[in-house]
Amino acid sequence: MMGIKAQSLTDLIASSVSSAYWKPDLEPIRRVYNLNGFTFGVAAGDEQLASFLDPILAPLACPPTASCDWIVELSPVAVIDVPTDARRIFEGPLPEGLTCAMVEDGDGRKLIVPGHFAMWFRRAARRTDLSFVPGKEDGLGGTAAFWMLDDLLAAHGRFLLHGGLVVDPKSESSIAIFAPSGTGKTTTVLALAHAGFCLAGDDALVLDVGEDGCGMWAVPRKLKVDRKTAALLPWLDALLTGNWIDDEQALEIGALQPVVPCALPRRRRVGLVVVLTSPNQNDHVITPIAKPDALMSIACDNLRIAPGGVDADNARALAALGSLVARTPVVALSVGPNPGSLTRKHIGWL
């Protein structure tokens, strides 16, 4: 090879790989999660920082590896602000009280919380760049983490939804329960688990449509039990403490195993969709519901409409929900005054 100047291995690789995929100074990958079919790694300067998703994804963690389908890299910066010339897709407060903006930026979108952190969603590069101001990283594991998870899943044709999930231990089919917050979803999910179903989750579901039909699994985050649920389901008392925060207590799903069976967070075929309606003061009532009405109810609680209309991700999510409702039996359930008496027959599952 006379006349050719030798290159370092790093220079050689960097010259032959698109800069969108190659970053020589990538932090070590310290966490890897398997989201039921694809993996993503978290690269960060230390273990504590890399574990910011453990509160919602710890049961899906697997041994670190250099080969992942997606990379999330965390980097400290001095200042974070919203560019004045950026096109804003969304602007408003997060539930934690922080003000955020979603903007279009180059080859992706950015979720920016001024003075705290910014998430750059770069699908073409199969990565998410997460910048943070040192000392302000506590907010990373809250609502923003779910925005990141939503984007990562959508890039792989899966959709993050608001709902509960239980599993029939006999058939291994899952039962999805949809309702807006405050309608009694957590209470209903826990009551059905106590009636013999396996508890999977009460808040965040992942839907995909495959050759075998519609599949779902629940994000294994903690359940938030409020005082009303605790009063309606007194068998929870043994797991609760006197430490209430905003009238709620958070319980790990695994901590509930002494009182209800729990399901591993893996994908299963959906066997039934339950749409919760307002509770009543008489008895549990299961009724048929027209599929267009069921789809409307579920979609209104799950799809975001930006000022410019429904974006491509939400359009695909609506199509996936349409497939779920079209292919799966759907019922409406109004829970009576005693949720603890719910049984399999009350959701038409015998």
Foldseek 3Di string as FASTA:
>chain_A
DPPDDDDDPLVVVPVVDPPLQDDPPFAAFQWWFDQFPFIETEGEPDNVLRCLQCQFGVLRIDDDDPDGQAYEYEDEDAWFDDDPPWAWFDWDADPVGFTWTWTDDPQFIKIGRGQAKIWTDHLVNRYIYIYGHPPRPNCCNPPVVVVVVQSNQLSVQKGKFFWFWWAQPVPRAIETEDDAPPQCQLLLLVLAQLQPTAGFGGTIKMWHQDPVGIKMFGRQHWDKDAPVSCVLPVVCVVVDDPDADVRIDTHGSVSCVVRGHHDRGHIHHHAEYEYEDHADAPAKDKAADDLVVVLVRRLVRGADATPVGGDPSSVSVSVRSSRVSVVYHYMYMHHHPRSNPDHCVSHPHD
